[in-house]
Amino acid sequence: LPVVLDADGINALGGHIDVLDARRDRITVLTPHDGEFTRIGGDLTGSNRLGAARAFGAAHGCVLVLKGHRTLTAAPAGNVLVNTTGNSGLAKGGSGDVLTGIVAALLAQGATAVRAAAVGVWLHGRAGDLAAQEKGQWGMTPTDILERLPQALREVTE
C-alpha cells in the first residue's frame, strides 16, 4: 500500500532507514522539514537543499517533500520540483498534517506519487497564502488552510 509519512512517522525511520529502502518498489512519500530530514540521514551540511533532496530521493527510491521556503519535491528518478506557493505561517504544528492528508487523498484518487506530492504541496501552499491574506501569517491555523482548499482547487481546475 502507498505510505505517506510526516513528523513522528519520519522520526521512527531514524536508525532504521533499511525499512525505507525495503519499500523501494512501493509508493512512499516522506514530508520532512530540515530537522526531520537530517535525523533520517539527509545531508544539509553544504547548504544545498536541492542537491540533498535529489540525492536522498534517488538513494532511497522514495518521493521526498523537503518542507521549507520553496518546498522541494524530489522524485526517485532524480528530478526535483520547486514550489512557489506558501508562506511562513505554514510552519506551525498541524500544518504538516494537512499537507500529508492532501497528498494521501490525491494518491487515493490515482495520482502518481510525484504528482500527488507536487500538486499537494502547491495546493497546501496556495491555501496557506489565501489564509494568510485573511488572517495574517501569524494568525492563521491549520483549520484556516483546510477551509481555503476548495478555493485553491478551483484555481487549479478553472
Protein backbone atom coordinates (compact mmCIF):
# COMPACT_ATOMS: atom_id res chain seq x y z
CA LEU A 1 0.00 0.00 0.00
CA PRO A 2 1.11 3.57 -0.54
CA VAL A 3 2.59 5.27 2.51
CA VAL A 4 2.85 8.99 3.30
CA LEU A 5 4.96 9.80 6.37
CA ASP A 6 5.28 13.03 8.33
CA ALA A 7 6.58 14.00 11.78
CA ASP A 8 6.85 11.01 14.12
CA GLY A 9 6.46 8.60 11.21
CA ILE A 10 9.64 10.09 9.77
CA ASN A 11 11.36 10.20 13.16
CA ALA A 12 10.66 6.47 13.55
CA LEU A 13 12.86 5.88 10.48
CA GLY A 14 15.88 7.33 12.29
CA GLY A 15 18.31 4.44 12.68
CA HIS A 16 16.01 2.21 10.61
CA ILE A 17 16.48 3.57 7.10
CA ASP A 18 16.61 -0.04 5.90
CA VAL A 19 12.82 -0.11 6.38
CA LEU A 20 12.53 2.72 3.86
CA ASP A 21 14.96 1.05 1.48
CA ALA A 22 12.89 -2.16 1.61
CA ARG A 23 9.98 -0.17 0.14
CA ARG A 24 11.96 0.88 -2.94
CA ASP A 25 9.41 -0.55 -5.40
CA ARG A 26 6.41 0.73 -3.46
CA ILE A 27 4.87 4.20 -3.29
CA THR A 28 6.46 6.03 -0.37
CA VAL A 29 6.28 9.79 0.22
CA LEU A 30 8.19 11.46 3.06
CA THR A 31 7.39 15.05 4.08
CA PRO A 32 10.15 16.19 6.49
CA HIS A 33 11.25 19.67 7.45
CA ASP A 34 15.02 20.20 7.59
CA GLY A 35 15.40 18.91 11.17
CA GLU A 36 13.50 15.68 10.47
CA PHE A 37 15.42 15.28 7.22
CA THR A 38 18.79 15.35 8.98
CA ARG A 39 17.55 12.85 11.61
CA ILE A 40 16.96 10.27 8.85
CA GLY A 41 20.34 10.83 7.21
CA GLY A 42 19.70 13.77 4.91
CA ASP A 43 22.82 15.86 4.43
CA LEU A 44 22.30 19.61 4.64
CA THR A 45 25.86 20.47 5.66
CA GLY A 46 26.64 22.09 2.33
CA SER A 47 23.51 24.28 2.39
CA ASN A 48 22.41 22.67 -0.88
CA ARG A 49 18.83 21.65 -0.10
CA LEU A 50 18.05 20.84 -3.73
CA GLY A 51 21.04 18.55 -4.14
CA ALA A 52 20.41 16.90 -0.78
CA ALA A 53 16.76 16.24 -1.62
CA ARG A 54 17.68 14.87 -5.04
CA ALA A 55 20.33 12.56 -3.59
CA PHE A 56 18.05 11.25 -0.83
CA GLY A 57 15.08 10.51 -3.10
CA ALA A 58 17.31 8.69 -5.57
CA ALA A 59 19.27 6.77 -2.93
CA HIS A 60 16.16 5.52 -1.13
CA GLY A 61 13.69 5.21 -4.01
CA CYS A 62 11.10 7.49 -2.43
CA VAL A 63 9.44 10.80 -3.14
CA LEU A 64 10.85 13.35 -0.74
CA VAL A 65 8.98 16.56 0.05
CA LEU A 66 11.53 18.73 1.84
CA LYS A 67 9.36 21.38 3.50
CA GLY A 68 10.54 24.93 3.95
CA HIS A 69 10.94 28.10 1.92
CA ARG A 70 10.46 26.89 -1.64
CA THR A 71 9.42 23.36 -0.64
CA LEU A 72 11.13 20.75 -2.81
CA THR A 73 9.59 17.60 -4.25
CA ALA A 74 12.34 15.14 -5.21
CA ALA A 75 11.49 12.09 -7.30
CA PRO A 76 13.39 8.79 -7.19
CA ALA A 77 14.50 9.42 -10.80
CA GLY A 78 16.43 12.49 -9.65
CA ASN A 79 14.23 15.33 -10.86
CA VAL A 80 13.24 17.99 -8.30
CA LEU A 81 10.29 20.34 -8.44
CA VAL A 82 10.47 23.68 -6.60
CA ASN A 83 7.21 25.05 -5.20
CA THR A 84 6.47 28.76 -5.28
CA THR A 85 3.36 28.90 -3.08
CA GLY A 86 3.23 29.11 0.70
CA ASN A 87 4.45 31.34 3.49
CA SER A 88 5.97 31.14 6.96
CA GLY A 89 2.51 30.75 8.52
CA LEU A 90 2.63 27.12 7.36
CA ALA A 91 5.49 26.42 9.78
CA LYS A 92 3.32 25.55 12.75
CA GLY A 93 2.01 22.40 14.35
CA GLY A 94 -0.73 20.69 12.39
CA SER A 95 0.09 22.27 9.05
CA GLY A 96 2.15 19.24 8.01
CA ASP A 97 -0.80 17.01 8.88
CA VAL A 98 -2.90 18.97 6.39
CA LEU A 99 -0.24 18.50 3.71
CA THR A 100 0.02 14.78 4.43
CA GLY A 101 -3.75 14.43 4.15
CA ILE A 102 -3.84 16.25 0.82
CA VAL A 103 -1.06 14.07 -0.61
CA ALA A 104 -2.71 10.87 0.67
CA ALA A 105 -6.08 11.95 -0.80
CA LEU A 106 -4.50 12.57 -4.20
CA LEU A 107 -2.80 9.17 -4.09
CA ALA A 108 -6.11 7.53 -3.20
CA GLN A 109 -7.64 9.14 -6.30
CA GLY A 110 -4.99 7.55 -8.53
CA ALA A 111 -2.35 10.25 -8.88
CA THR A 112 1.24 9.10 -9.22
CA ALA A 113 3.41 9.63 -6.15
CA VAL A 114 5.33 12.54 -7.70
CA ARG A 115 2.17 14.21 -8.98
CA ALA A 116 0.33 13.73 -5.67
CA ALA A 117 3.28 15.22 -3.77
CA ALA A 118 3.90 18.16 -6.11
CA VAL A 119 0.22 19.08 -6.56
CA GLY A 120 -0.38 18.55 -2.84
CA VAL A 121 2.47 20.90 -1.97
CA TRP A 122 1.17 23.54 -4.38
CA LEU A 123 -2.43 23.28 -3.10
CA HIS A 124 -1.27 23.37 0.52
CA GLY A 125 0.86 26.43 -0.13
CA ARG A 126 -1.83 28.22 -2.12
CA ALA A 127 -4.45 27.54 0.56
CA GLY A 128 -1.92 28.87 3.09
CA ASP A 129 -1.44 32.01 1.01
CA LEU A 130 -5.21 32.53 0.89
CA ALA A 131 -5.47 32.02 4.65
CA ALA A 132 -2.64 34.48 5.26
CA GLN A 133 -4.39 37.13 3.15
CA GLU A 134 -7.36 36.99 5.50
CA LYS A 135 -5.88 36.02 8.89
CA GLY A 136 -2.23 37.01 8.56
CA GLN A 137 0.70 34.59 8.70
CA TRP A 138 0.87 34.71 12.48
CA GLY A 139 -2.87 34.31 12.99
CA MET A 140 -3.66 31.55 10.52
CA THR A 141 -4.21 27.99 11.73
CA PRO A 142 -4.22 24.58 10.03
CA THR A 143 -8.03 24.76 10.05
CA ASP A 144 -7.80 28.01 8.07
CA ILE A 145 -5.70 26.18 5.47
CA LEU A 146 -8.29 23.41 5.20
CA GLU A 147 -11.08 25.93 4.78
CA ARG A 148 -9.29 27.51 1.80
CA LEU A 149 -8.57 24.25 -0.04
CA PRO A 150 -11.77 24.44 -2.12
CA GLN A 151 -10.74 27.85 -3.43
CA ALA A 152 -7.21 26.64 -4.20
CA LEU A 153 -8.67 23.63 -6.02
CA ARG A 154 -10.95 25.88 -8.08
CA GLU A 155 -7.90 27.90 -9.16
CA VAL A 156 -6.24 24.73 -10.43
CA THR A 157 -9.25 23.42 -12.32
CA GLU A 158 -10.56 26.64 -13.86
